[in-house]
């Protein structure tokens, strides 16, 4: 199955079943991105990436998974500022492990129900 077909199938299920915004993730070789999207209005409420997290931790080497956990914490803090307490996790076509799992765990650790 082609990656974009798998992603579209997963996203279709999430959009039609939920009244909550989506916490969607994107993973590249260099960075990991997360954003909260409100599909009813068609707007991105907030976003975060490892590009924001890694410069703060240049003094010590940081793994990509640890940086993804920090992105999850950051996106949760920003979502709570927008009064979003619960979101549906949209993993896209990625398996739920590694950096993707770390983002969800980081968001949960700061109080966002994912």
PDB file of N, CA and C in Angstrom:
ATOM      1  N   UNK A   1       0.842  -1.176   0.000  1.00  0.00           N
ATOM      2  CA  UNK A   1       0.000   0.000   0.000  1.00  0.00           C
ATOM      3  C   UNK A   1       0.886   1.237   0.000  1.00  0.00           C
ATOM      4  N   UNK A   2       0.508   2.231  -0.749  1.00  0.00           N
ATOM      5  CA  UNK A   2       1.262   3.461  -0.840  1.00  0.00           C
ATOM      6  C   UNK A   2       1.034   4.284   0.424  1.00  0.00           C
ATOM      7  N   UNK A   3       2.096   4.967   0.864  1.00  0.00           N
ATOM      8  CA  UNK A   3       2.072   5.693   2.130  1.00  0.00           C
ATOM      9  C   UNK A   3       0.937   6.717   2.205  1.00  0.00           C
ATOM     10  N   UNK A   4       0.705   7.479   1.134  1.00  0.00           N
ATOM     11  CA  UNK A   4      -0.337   8.504   1.210  1.00  0.00           C
ATOM     12  C   UNK A   4      -1.735   7.903   1.255  1.00  0.00           C
ATOM     13  N   UNK A   5      -1.917   6.709   0.723  1.00  0.00           N
ATOM     14  CA  UNK A   5      -3.219   6.044   0.822  1.00  0.00           C
ATOM     15  C   UNK A   5      -3.494   5.619   2.252  1.00  0.00           C
ATOM     16  N   UNK A   6      -2.458   5.084   2.903  1.00  0.00           N
ATOM     17  CA  UNK A   6      -2.588   4.656   4.289  1.00  0.00           C
ATOM     18  C   UNK A   6      -2.888   5.860   5.185  1.00  0.00           C
ATOM     19  N   UNK A   7      -2.184   6.962   4.955  1.00  0.00           N
ATOM     20  CA  UNK A   7      -2.380   8.177   5.739  1.00  0.00           C
ATOM     21  C   UNK A   7      -3.792   8.728   5.553  1.00  0.00           C
ATOM     22  N   UNK A   8      -4.283   8.726   4.322  1.00  0.00           N
ATOM     23  CA  UNK A   8      -5.627   9.229   4.046  1.00  0.00           C
ATOM     24  C   UNK A   8      -6.692   8.361   4.699  1.00  0.00           C
ATOM     25  N   UNK A   9      -6.493   7.051   4.707  1.00  0.00           N
ATOM     26  CA  UNK A   9      -7.453   6.144   5.328  1.00  0.00           C
ATOM     27  C   UNK A   9      -7.528   6.385   6.833  1.00  0.00           C
ATOM     28  N   UNK A  10      -6.382   6.540   7.467  1.00  0.00           N
ATOM     29  CA  UNK A  10      -6.346   6.780   8.911  1.00  0.00           C
ATOM     30  C   UNK A  10      -6.975   8.126   9.246  1.00  0.00           C
ATOM     31  N   UNK A  11      -6.633   9.167   8.473  1.00  0.00           N
ATOM     32  CA  UNK A  11      -7.145  10.505   8.739  1.00  0.00           C
ATOM     33  C   UNK A  11      -8.653  10.584   8.548  1.00  0.00           C
ATOM     34  N   UNK A  12      -9.177   9.872   7.571  1.00  0.00           N
ATOM     35  CA  UNK A  12     -10.613   9.873   7.314  1.00  0.00           C
ATOM     36  C   UNK A  12     -11.372   9.327   8.522  1.00  0.00           C
ATOM     37  N   UNK A  13     -10.855   8.261   9.107  1.00  0.00           N
ATOM     38  CA  UNK A  13     -11.494   7.678  10.282  1.00  0.00           C
ATOM     39  C   UNK A  13     -11.463   8.654  11.455  1.00  0.00           C
ATOM     40  N   UNK A  14     -10.348   9.341  11.630  1.00  0.00           N
ATOM     41  CA  UNK A  14     -10.211  10.265  12.751  1.00  0.00           C
ATOM     42  C   UNK A  14     -11.141  11.464  12.614  1.00  0.00           C
ATOM     43  N   UNK A  15     -11.253  12.014  11.418  1.00  0.00           N
ATOM     44  CA  UNK A  15     -12.066  13.207  11.214  1.00  0.00           C
ATOM     45  C   UNK A  15     -13.542  12.959  11.460  1.00  0.00           C
ATOM     46  N   UNK A  16     -14.027  11.822  11.025  1.00  0.00           N
ATOM     47  CA  UNK A  16     -15.456  11.571  11.113  1.00  0.00           C
ATOM     48  C   UNK A  16     -15.898  11.018  12.455  1.00  0.00           C
ATOM     49  N   UNK A  17     -14.961  10.606  13.273  1.00  0.00           N
ATOM     50  CA  UNK A  17     -15.335   9.999  14.550  1.00  0.00           C
ATOM     51  C   UNK A  17     -15.115  10.914  15.747  1.00  0.00           C
ATOM     52  N   UNK A  18     -14.486  12.044  15.548  1.00  0.00           N
ATOM     53  CA  UNK A  18     -14.093  12.814  16.713  1.00  0.00           C
ATOM     54  C   UNK A  18     -14.572  14.256  16.658  1.00  0.00           C
ATOM     55  N   UNK A  19     -14.850  14.784  17.837  1.00  0.00           N
ATOM     56  CA  UNK A  19     -15.194  16.197  17.951  1.00  0.00           C
ATOM     57  C   UNK A  19     -13.993  16.983  18.474  1.00  0.00           C
ATOM     58  N   UNK A  20     -12.913  16.276  18.792  1.00  0.00           N
ATOM     59  CA  UNK A  20     -11.716  16.904  19.337  1.00  0.00           C
ATOM     60  C   UNK A  20     -10.732  17.251  18.220  1.00  0.00           C
ATOM     61  N   UNK A  21      -9.842  18.215  18.475  1.00  0.00           N
ATOM     62  CA  UNK A  21      -8.801  18.521  17.490  1.00  0.00           C
ATOM     63  C   UNK A  21      -7.826  17.354  17.342  1.00  0.00           C
ATOM     64  N   UNK A  22      -7.082  17.348  16.237  1.00  0.00           N
ATOM     65  CA  UNK A  22      -6.100  16.300  15.983  1.00  0.00           C
ATOM     66  C   UNK A  22      -4.715  16.756  16.406  1.00  0.00           C
ATOM     67  N   UNK A  23      -3.974  15.870  17.043  1.00  0.00           N
ATOM     68  CA  UNK A  23      -2.547  16.068  17.263  1.00  0.00           C
ATOM     69  C   UNK A  23      -1.859  15.261  16.173  1.00  0.00           C
ATOM     70  N   UNK A  24      -1.379  15.939  15.149  1.00  0.00           N
ATOM     71  CA  UNK A  24      -0.786  15.259  14.015  1.00  0.00           C
ATOM     72  C   UNK A  24       0.728  15.410  14.040  1.00  0.00           C
ATOM     73  N   UNK A  25       1.421  14.396  13.566  1.00  0.00           N
ATOM     74  CA  UNK A  25       2.886  14.394  13.613  1.00  0.00           C
ATOM     75  C   UNK A  25       3.474  14.167  12.224  1.00  0.00           C
ATOM     76  N   UNK A  26       4.668  14.693  12.041  1.00  0.00           N
ATOM     77  CA  UNK A  26       5.443  14.456  10.830  1.00  0.00           C
ATOM     78  C   UNK A  26       6.874  14.199  11.257  1.00  0.00           C
ATOM     79  N   UNK A  27       7.475  13.211  10.641  1.00  0.00           N
ATOM     80  CA  UNK A  27       8.827  12.802  11.012  1.00  0.00           C
ATOM     81  C   UNK A  27       9.713  12.854   9.772  1.00  0.00           C
ATOM     82  N   UNK A  28      10.796  13.603   9.848  1.00  0.00           N
ATOM     83  CA  UNK A  28      11.782  13.606   8.774  1.00  0.00           C
ATOM     84  C   UNK A  28      13.095  13.082   9.350  1.00  0.00           C
ATOM     85  N   UNK A  29      14.115  13.006   8.520  1.00  0.00           N
ATOM     86  CA  UNK A  29      15.402  12.524   9.018  1.00  0.00           C
ATOM     87  C   UNK A  29      16.046  13.512   9.987  1.00  0.00           C
ATOM     88  N   UNK A  30      15.800  14.792   9.781  1.00  0.00           N
ATOM     89  CA  UNK A  30      16.433  15.807  10.618  1.00  0.00           C
ATOM     90  C   UNK A  30      15.575  16.250  11.797  1.00  0.00           C
ATOM     91  N   UNK A  31      14.270  16.288  11.643  1.00  0.00           N
ATOM     92  CA  UNK A  31      13.420  16.873  12.682  1.00  0.00           C
ATOM     93  C   UNK A  31      12.110  16.115  12.817  1.00  0.00           C
ATOM     94  N   UNK A  32      11.422  16.386  13.905  1.00  0.00           N
ATOM     95  CA  UNK A  32      10.099  15.837  14.164  1.00  0.00           C
ATOM     96  C   UNK A  32       9.173  17.012  14.462  1.00  0.00           C
ATOM     97  N   UNK A  33       8.020  17.025  13.827  1.00  0.00           N
ATOM     98  CA  UNK A  33       7.080  18.134  13.954  1.00  0.00           C
ATOM     99  C   UNK A  33       5.756  17.616  14.517  1.00  0.00           C
ATOM    100  N   UNK A  34       5.071  18.471  15.270  1.00  0.00           N
ATOM    101  CA  UNK A  34       3.739  18.151  15.784  1.00  0.00           C
ATOM    102  C   UNK A  34       2.878  19.403  15.692  1.00  0.00           C
ATOM    103  N   UNK A  35       1.609  19.206  15.409  1.00  0.00           N
ATOM    104  CA  UNK A  35       0.693  20.346  15.384  1.00  0.00           C
ATOM    105  C   UNK A  35      -0.695  19.911  15.816  1.00  0.00           C
ATOM    106  N   UNK A  36      -1.426  20.855  16.385  1.00  0.00           N
ATOM    107  CA  UNK A  36      -2.816  20.644  16.775  1.00  0.00           C
ATOM    108  C   UNK A  36      -3.680  21.300  15.708  1.00  0.00           C
ATOM    109  N   UNK A  37      -4.549  20.507  15.077  1.00  0.00           N
ATOM    110  CA  UNK A  37      -5.381  20.987  13.977  1.00  0.00           C
ATOM    111  C   UNK A  37      -6.849  20.845  14.356  1.00  0.00           C
ATOM    112  N   UNK A  38      -7.610  21.921  14.176  1.00  0.00           N
ATOM    113  CA  UNK A  38      -9.050  21.891  14.382  1.00  0.00           C
ATOM    114  C   UNK A  38      -9.705  21.711  13.012  1.00  0.00           C
ATOM    115  N   UNK A  39     -10.210  20.513  12.731  1.00  0.00           N
ATOM    116  CA  UNK A  39     -10.773  20.207  11.415  1.00  0.00           C
ATOM    117  C   UNK A  39     -12.120  20.869  11.170  1.00  0.00           C
ATOM    118  N   UNK A  40     -12.849  21.202  12.235  1.00  0.00           N
ATOM    119  CA  UNK A  40     -14.144  21.844  12.025  1.00  0.00           C
ATOM    120  C   UNK A  40     -13.970  23.251  11.456  1.00  0.00           C
ATOM    121  N   UNK A  41     -12.932  23.953  11.903  1.00  0.00           N
ATOM    122  CA  UNK A  41     -12.648  25.297  11.403  1.00  0.00           C
ATOM    123  C   UNK A  41     -11.600  25.292  10.296  1.00  0.00           C
ATOM    124  N   UNK A  42     -10.847  24.193  10.188  1.00  0.00           N
ATOM    125  CA  UNK A  42      -9.793  24.106   9.191  1.00  0.00           C
ATOM    126  C   UNK A  42      -8.589  24.963   9.524  1.00  0.00           C
ATOM    127  N   UNK A  43      -8.239  25.012  10.825  1.00  0.00           N
ATOM    128  CA  UNK A  43      -7.128  25.851  11.260  1.00  0.00           C
ATOM    129  C   UNK A  43      -6.140  25.056  12.094  1.00  0.00           C
ATOM    130  N   UNK A  44      -4.879  25.451  12.009  1.00  0.00           N
ATOM    131  CA  UNK A  44      -3.855  24.917  12.890  1.00  0.00           C
ATOM    132  C   UNK A  44      -3.806  25.807  14.121  1.00  0.00           C
ATOM    133  N   UNK A  45      -4.047  25.217  15.295  1.00  0.00           N
ATOM    134  CA  UNK A  45      -4.077  26.004  16.523  1.00  0.00           C
ATOM    135  C   UNK A  45      -2.678  26.310  17.033  1.00  0.00           C
ATOM    136  N   UNK A  46      -1.807  25.301  17.030  1.00  0.00           N
ATOM    137  CA  UNK A  46      -0.441  25.491  17.501  1.00  0.00           C
ATOM    138  C   UNK A  46       0.449  24.419  16.904  1.00  0.00           C
ATOM    139  N   UNK A  47       1.757  24.660  16.972  1.00  0.00           N
ATOM    140  CA  UNK A  47       2.710  23.699  16.426  1.00  0.00           C
ATOM    141  C   UNK A  47       3.996  23.740  17.239  1.00  0.00           C
ATOM    142  N   UNK A  48       4.792  22.675  17.110  1.00  0.00           N
ATOM    143  CA  UNK A  48       6.097  22.603  17.758  1.00  0.00           C
ATOM    144  C   UNK A  48       6.974  21.656  16.956  1.00  0.00           C
ATOM    145  N   UNK A  49       8.284  21.820  17.084  1.00  0.00           N
ATOM    146  CA  UNK A  49       9.205  20.940  16.372  1.00  0.00           C
ATOM    147  C   UNK A  49      10.497  20.787  17.157  1.00  0.00           C
ATOM    148  N   UNK A  50      11.295  19.816  16.761  1.00  0.00           N
ATOM    149  CA  UNK A  50      12.578  19.606  17.422  1.00  0.00           C
ATOM    150  C   UNK A  50      13.555  20.721  17.077  1.00  0.00           C
ATOM    151  N   UNK A  51      13.277  21.492  16.054  1.00  0.00           N
ATOM    152  CA  UNK A  51      14.127  22.637  15.731  1.00  0.00           C
ATOM    153  C   UNK A  51      14.062  23.692  16.826  1.00  0.00           C
ATOM    154  N   UNK A  52      12.971  23.731  17.560  1.00  0.00           N
ATOM    155  CA  UNK A  52      12.840  24.647  18.691  1.00  0.00           C
ATOM    156  C   UNK A  52      13.481  24.073  19.941  1.00  0.00           C
ATOM    157  N   UNK A  53      13.487  22.761  20.063  1.00  0.00           N
ATOM    158  CA  UNK A  53      13.953  22.102  21.276  1.00  0.00           C
ATOM    159  C   UNK A  53      15.462  21.899  21.267  1.00  0.00           C
ATOM    160  N   UNK A  54      16.021  21.468  20.157  1.00  0.00           N
ATOM    161  CA  UNK A  54      17.438  21.115  20.114  1.00  0.00           C
ATOM    162  C   UNK A  54      18.401  22.269  20.376  1.00  0.00           C
ATOM    163  N   UNK A  55      18.159  23.490  19.895  1.00  0.00           N
ATOM    164  CA  UNK A  55      19.112  24.558  20.216  1.00  0.00           C
ATOM    165  C   UNK A  55      19.248  24.819  21.718  1.00  0.00           C
ATOM    166  N   UNK A  56      18.199  24.542  22.478  1.00  0.00           N
ATOM    167  CA  UNK A  56      18.259  24.748  23.918  1.00  0.00           C
ATOM    168  C   UNK A  56      19.156  23.716  24.593  1.00  0.00           C
ATOM    169  N   UNK A  57      19.336  22.564  23.961  1.00  0.00           N
ATOM    170  CA  UNK A  57      20.083  21.476  24.594  1.00  0.00           C
ATOM    171  C   UNK A  57      21.386  21.177  23.854  1.00  0.00           C
ATOM    172  N   UNK A  58      22.012  22.185  23.253  1.00  0.00           N
ATOM    173  CA  UNK A  58      23.240  21.949  22.505  1.00  0.00           C
ATOM    174  C   UNK A  58      24.403  21.561  23.404  1.00  0.00           C
ATOM    175  N   UNK A  59      24.341  21.935  24.670  1.00  0.00           N
ATOM    176  CA  UNK A  59      25.442  21.647  25.577  1.00  0.00           C
ATOM    177  C   UNK A  59      25.661  20.148  25.735  1.00  0.00           C
ATOM    178  N   UNK A  60      24.585  19.381  25.718  1.00  0.00           N
ATOM    179  CA  UNK A  60      24.731  17.931  25.834  1.00  0.00           C
ATOM    180  C   UNK A  60      24.036  17.269  24.645  1.00  0.00           C
ATOM    181  N   UNK A  61      24.587  16.165  24.223  1.00  0.00           N
ATOM    182  CA  UNK A  61      24.007  15.442  23.082  1.00  0.00           C
ATOM    183  C   UNK A  61      22.629  14.908  23.463  1.00  0.00           C
ATOM    184  N   UNK A  62      21.692  15.011  22.538  1.00  0.00           N
ATOM    185  CA  UNK A  62      20.322  14.601  22.814  1.00  0.00           C
ATOM    186  C   UNK A  62      19.862  13.678  21.695  1.00  0.00           C
ATOM    187  N   UNK A  63      19.274  12.560  22.055  1.00  0.00           N
ATOM    188  CA  UNK A  63      18.792  11.638  21.038  1.00  0.00           C
ATOM    189  C   UNK A  63      17.536  12.203  20.384  1.00  0.00           C
ATOM    190  N   UNK A  64      17.208  11.701  19.208  1.00  0.00           N
ATOM    191  CA  UNK A  64      16.028  12.180  18.502  1.00  0.00           C
ATOM    192  C   UNK A  64      14.756  11.797  19.247  1.00  0.00           C
ATOM    193  N   UNK A  65      14.767  10.651  19.923  1.00  0.00           N
ATOM    194  CA  UNK A  65      13.586  10.226  20.688  1.00  0.00           C
ATOM    195  C   UNK A  65      13.379  11.128  21.901  1.00  0.00           C
ATOM    196  N   UNK A  66      14.469  11.483  22.579  1.00  0.00           N
ATOM    197  CA  UNK A  66      14.359  12.387  23.730  1.00  0.00           C
ATOM    198  C   UNK A  66      13.887  13.766  23.282  1.00  0.00           C
ATOM    199  N   UNK A  67      14.363  14.217  22.130  1.00  0.00           N
ATOM    200  CA  UNK A  67      13.920  15.509  21.596  1.00  0.00           C
ATOM    201  C   UNK A  67      12.439  15.451  21.234  1.00  0.00           C
ATOM    202  N   UNK A  68      11.981  14.317  20.705  1.00  0.00           N
ATOM    203  CA  UNK A  68      10.567  14.160  20.363  1.00  0.00           C
ATOM    204  C   UNK A  68       9.699  14.198  21.619  1.00  0.00           C
ATOM    205  N   UNK A  69      10.188  13.632  22.713  1.00  0.00           N
ATOM    206  CA  UNK A  69       9.457  13.688  23.986  1.00  0.00           C
ATOM    207  C   UNK A  69       9.290  15.145  24.416  1.00  0.00           C
ATOM    208  N   UNK A  70      10.334  15.938  24.269  1.00  0.00           N
ATOM    209  CA  UNK A  70      10.268  17.358  24.618  1.00  0.00           C
ATOM    210  C   UNK A  70       9.289  18.106  23.708  1.00  0.00           C
ATOM    211  N   UNK A  71       9.216  17.704  22.435  1.00  0.00           N
ATOM    212  CA  UNK A  71       8.245  18.308  21.513  1.00  0.00           C
ATOM    213  C   UNK A  71       6.838  18.006  21.993  1.00  0.00           C
ATOM    214  N   UNK A  72       6.606  16.783  22.457  1.00  0.00           N
ATOM    215  CA  UNK A  72       5.301  16.418  23.000  1.00  0.00           C
ATOM    216  C   UNK A  72       4.928  17.266  24.203  1.00  0.00           C
ATOM    217  N   UNK A  73       5.898  17.505  25.081  1.00  0.00           N
ATOM    218  CA  UNK A  73       5.647  18.359  26.239  1.00  0.00           C
ATOM    219  C   UNK A  73       5.337  19.791  25.808  1.00  0.00           C
ATOM    220  N   UNK A  74       6.089  20.280  24.835  1.00  0.00           N
ATOM    221  CA  UNK A  74       5.910  21.647  24.354  1.00  0.00           C
ATOM    222  C   UNK A  74       4.555  21.837  23.675  1.00  0.00           C
ATOM    223  N   UNK A  75       4.158  20.874  22.849  1.00  0.00           N
ATOM    224  CA  UNK A  75       2.872  20.983  22.154  1.00  0.00           C
ATOM    225  C   UNK A  75       1.713  20.906  23.157  1.00  0.00           C
ATOM    226  N   UNK A  76       1.889  20.124  24.212  1.00  0.00           N
ATOM    227  CA  UNK A  76       0.848  20.026  25.239  1.00  0.00           C
ATOM    228  C   UNK A  76       0.699  21.352  25.989  1.00  0.00           C
ATOM    229  N   UNK A  77       1.812  21.983  26.326  1.00  0.00           N
ATOM    230  CA  UNK A  77       1.748  23.277  27.015  1.00  0.00           C
ATOM    231  C   UNK A  77       1.058  24.318  26.150  1.00  0.00           C
ATOM    232  N   UNK A  78       1.393  24.334  24.865  1.00  0.00           N
ATOM    233  CA  UNK A  78       0.792  25.304  23.960  1.00  0.00           C
ATOM    234  C   UNK A  78      -0.691  25.006  23.725  1.00  0.00           C
ATOM    235  N   UNK A  79      -1.040  23.728  23.682  1.00  0.00           N
ATOM    236  CA  UNK A  79      -2.444  23.354  23.486  1.00  0.00           C
ATOM    237  C   UNK A  79      -3.281  23.761  24.692  1.00  0.00           C
ATOM    238  N   UNK A  80      -2.736  23.581  25.881  1.00  0.00           N
ATOM    239  CA  UNK A  80      -3.467  23.964  27.090  1.00  0.00           C
ATOM    240  C   UNK A  80      -3.680  25.476  27.162  1.00  0.00           C
ATOM    241  N   UNK A  81      -2.761  26.257  26.578  1.00  0.00           N
ATOM    242  CA  UNK A  81      -2.954  27.705  26.506  1.00  0.00           C
ATOM    243  C   UNK A  81      -4.135  28.059  25.606  1.00  0.00           C
ATOM    244  N   UNK A  82      -4.380  27.225  24.599  1.00  0.00           N
ATOM    245  CA  UNK A  82      -5.518  27.421  23.690  1.00  0.00           C
ATOM    246  C   UNK A  82      -6.770  26.729  24.208  1.00  0.00           C
ATOM    247  N   UNK A  83      -6.725  26.269  25.451  1.00  0.00           N
ATOM    248  CA  UNK A  83      -7.843  25.598  26.124  1.00  0.00           C
ATOM    249  C   UNK A  83      -8.247  24.290  25.442  1.00  0.00           C
ATOM    250  N   UNK A  84      -7.246  23.599  24.889  1.00  0.00           N
ATOM    251  CA  UNK A  84      -7.454  22.262  24.321  1.00  0.00           C
ATOM    252  C   UNK A  84      -6.926  21.280  25.354  1.00  0.00           C
ATOM    253  N   UNK A  85      -7.822  20.499  25.956  1.00  0.00           N
ATOM    254  CA  UNK A  85      -7.405  19.539  26.982  1.00  0.00           C
ATOM    255  C   UNK A  85      -7.379  18.115  26.470  1.00  0.00           C
ATOM    256  N   UNK A  86      -8.028  17.881  25.330  1.00  0.00           N
ATOM    257  CA  UNK A  86      -8.093  16.534  24.772  1.00  0.00           C
ATOM    258  C   UNK A  86      -7.940  16.620  23.259  1.00  0.00           C
ATOM    259  N   UNK A  87      -7.166  15.692  22.703  1.00  0.00           N
ATOM    260  CA  UNK A  87      -6.944  15.668  21.258  1.00  0.00           C
ATOM    261  C   UNK A  87      -6.882  14.221  20.794  1.00  0.00           C
ATOM    262  N   UNK A  88      -7.123  14.027  19.516  1.00  0.00           N
ATOM    263  CA  UNK A  88      -7.030  12.707  18.908  1.00  0.00           C
ATOM    264  C   UNK A  88      -5.654  12.601  18.261  1.00  0.00           C
ATOM    265  N   UNK A  89      -4.936  11.536  18.538  1.00  0.00           N
ATOM    266  CA  UNK A  89      -3.572  11.382  18.026  1.00  0.00           C
ATOM    267  C   UNK A  89      -3.608  10.841  16.601  1.00  0.00           C
ATOM    268  N   UNK A  90      -3.084  11.610  15.666  1.00  0.00           N
ATOM    269  CA  UNK A  90      -3.012  11.226  14.261  1.00  0.00           C
ATOM    270  C   UNK A  90      -1.563  10.886  13.945  1.00  0.00           C
ATOM    271  N   UNK A  91      -1.261   9.608  13.887  1.00  0.00           N
ATOM    272  CA  UNK A  91       0.109   9.169  13.657  1.00  0.00           C
ATOM    273  C   UNK A  91       0.478   9.156  12.189  1.00  0.00           C
ATOM    274  N   UNK A  92      -0.488   9.446  11.324  1.00  0.00           N
ATOM    275  CA  UNK A  92      -0.218   9.416   9.886  1.00  0.00           C
ATOM    276  C   UNK A  92       0.019   7.988   9.436  1.00  0.00           C
ATOM    277  N   UNK A  93       1.019   7.785   8.602  1.00  0.00           N
ATOM    278  CA  UNK A  93       1.335   6.438   8.121  1.00  0.00           C
ATOM    279  C   UNK A  93       2.456   5.800   8.929  1.00  0.00           C
ATOM    280  N   UNK A  94       2.862   6.444  10.024  1.00  0.00           N
ATOM    281  CA  UNK A  94       3.978   5.944  10.826  1.00  0.00           C
ATOM    282  C   UNK A  94       3.500   4.914  11.841  1.00  0.00           C
ATOM    283  N   UNK A  95       4.366   3.976  12.153  1.00  0.00           N
ATOM    284  CA  UNK A  95       4.073   3.020  13.214  1.00  0.00           C
ATOM    285  C   UNK A  95       4.165   3.735  14.552  1.00  0.00           C
ATOM    286  N   UNK A  96       3.417   3.248  15.522  1.00  0.00           N
ATOM    287  CA  UNK A  96       3.397   3.871  16.843  1.00  0.00           C
ATOM    288  C   UNK A  96       4.556   3.324  17.672  1.00  0.00           C
ATOM    289  N   UNK A  97       5.748   3.841  17.417  1.00  0.00           N
ATOM    290  CA  UNK A  97       6.920   3.495  18.209  1.00  0.00           C
ATOM    291  C   UNK A  97       7.979   4.561  17.984  1.00  0.00           C
ATOM    292  N   UNK A  98       9.007   4.553  18.785  1.00  0.00           N
ATOM    293  CA  UNK A  98      10.098   5.500  18.618  1.00  0.00           C
ATOM    294  C   UNK A  98       9.671   6.936  18.849  1.00  0.00           C
ATOM    295  N   UNK A  99      10.019   7.803  17.885  1.00  0.00           N
ATOM    296  CA  UNK A  99       9.743   9.234  18.029  1.00  0.00           C
ATOM    297  C   UNK A  99       8.255   9.546  18.073  1.00  0.00           C
ATOM    298  N   UNK A 100       7.458   8.778  17.329  1.00  0.00           N
ATOM    299  CA  UNK A 100       6.014   9.012  17.309  1.00  0.00           C
ATOM    300  C   UNK A 100       5.417   8.712  18.688  1.00  0.00           C
ATOM    301  N   UNK A 101       5.820   7.621  19.270  1.00  0.00           N
ATOM    302  CA  UNK A 101       5.345   7.244  20.604  1.00  0.00           C
ATOM    303  C   UNK A 101       5.833   8.241  21.657  1.00  0.00           C
ATOM    304  N   UNK A 102       7.049   8.757  21.476  1.00  0.00           N
ATOM    305  CA  UNK A 102       7.617   9.708  22.431  1.00  0.00           C
ATOM    306  C   UNK A 102       6.836  11.020  22.436  1.00  0.00           C
ATOM    307  N   UNK A 103       6.369  11.461  21.277  1.00  0.00           N
ATOM    308  CA  UNK A 103       5.567  12.687  21.229  1.00  0.00           C
ATOM    309  C   UNK A 103       4.283  12.507  22.018  1.00  0.00           C
ATOM    310  N   UNK A 104       3.616  11.374  21.832  1.00  0.00           N
ATOM    311  CA  UNK A 104       2.371  11.105  22.562  1.00  0.00           C
ATOM    312  C   UNK A 104       2.634  11.018  24.063  1.00  0.00           C
ATOM    313  N   UNK A 105       3.723  10.368  24.448  1.00  0.00           N
ATOM    314  CA  UNK A 105       4.050  10.234  25.865  1.00  0.00           C
ATOM    315  C   UNK A 105       4.373  11.592  26.484  1.00  0.00           C
ATOM    316  N   UNK A 106       5.088  12.431  25.758  1.00  0.00           N
ATOM    317  CA  UNK A 106       5.415  13.762  26.255  1.00  0.00           C
ATOM    318  C   UNK A 106       4.172  14.617  26.421  1.00  0.00           C
ATOM    319  N   UNK A 107       3.252  14.517  25.476  1.00  0.00           N
ATOM    320  CA  UNK A 107       2.002  15.284  25.574  1.00  0.00           C
ATOM    321  C   UNK A 107       1.174  14.813  26.767  1.00  0.00           C
ATOM    322  N   UNK A 108       1.131  13.507  26.976  1.00  0.00           N
ATOM    323  CA  UNK A 108       0.380  12.974  28.116  1.00  0.00           C
ATOM    324  C   UNK A 108       0.999  13.401  29.442  1.00  0.00           C
ATOM    325  N   UNK A 109       2.335  13.466  29.475  1.00  0.00           N
ATOM    326  CA  UNK A 109       3.008  13.814  30.729  1.00  0.00           C
ATOM    327  C   UNK A 109       2.705  15.254  31.172  1.00  0.00           C
ATOM    328  N   UNK A 110       2.351  16.122  30.236  1.00  0.00           N
ATOM    329  CA  UNK A 110       2.022  17.514  30.575  1.00  0.00           C
ATOM    330  C   UNK A 110       0.522  17.756  30.687  1.00  0.00           C
ATOM    331  N   UNK A 111      -0.293  16.689  30.616  1.00  0.00           N
ATOM    332  CA  UNK A 111      -1.716  16.840  30.916  1.00  0.00           C
ATOM    333  C   UNK A 111      -2.646  16.847  29.728  1.00  0.00           C
ATOM    334  N   UNK A 112      -2.132  16.665  28.519  1.00  0.00           N
ATOM    335  CA  UNK A 112      -3.003  16.603  27.348  1.00  0.00           C
ATOM    336  C   UNK A 112      -3.500  15.172  27.198  1.00  0.00           C
ATOM    337  N   UNK A 113      -4.802  14.996  27.105  1.00  0.00           N
ATOM    338  CA  UNK A 113      -5.371  13.654  26.936  1.00  0.00           C
ATOM    339  C   UNK A 113      -5.297  13.282  25.468  1.00  0.00           C
ATOM    340  N   UNK A 114      -4.435  12.331  25.158  1.00  0.00           N
ATOM    341  CA  UNK A 114      -4.233  11.887  23.769  1.00  0.00           C
ATOM    342  C   UNK A 114      -4.612  10.428  23.675  1.00  0.00           C
TER     343      UNK A 114
END
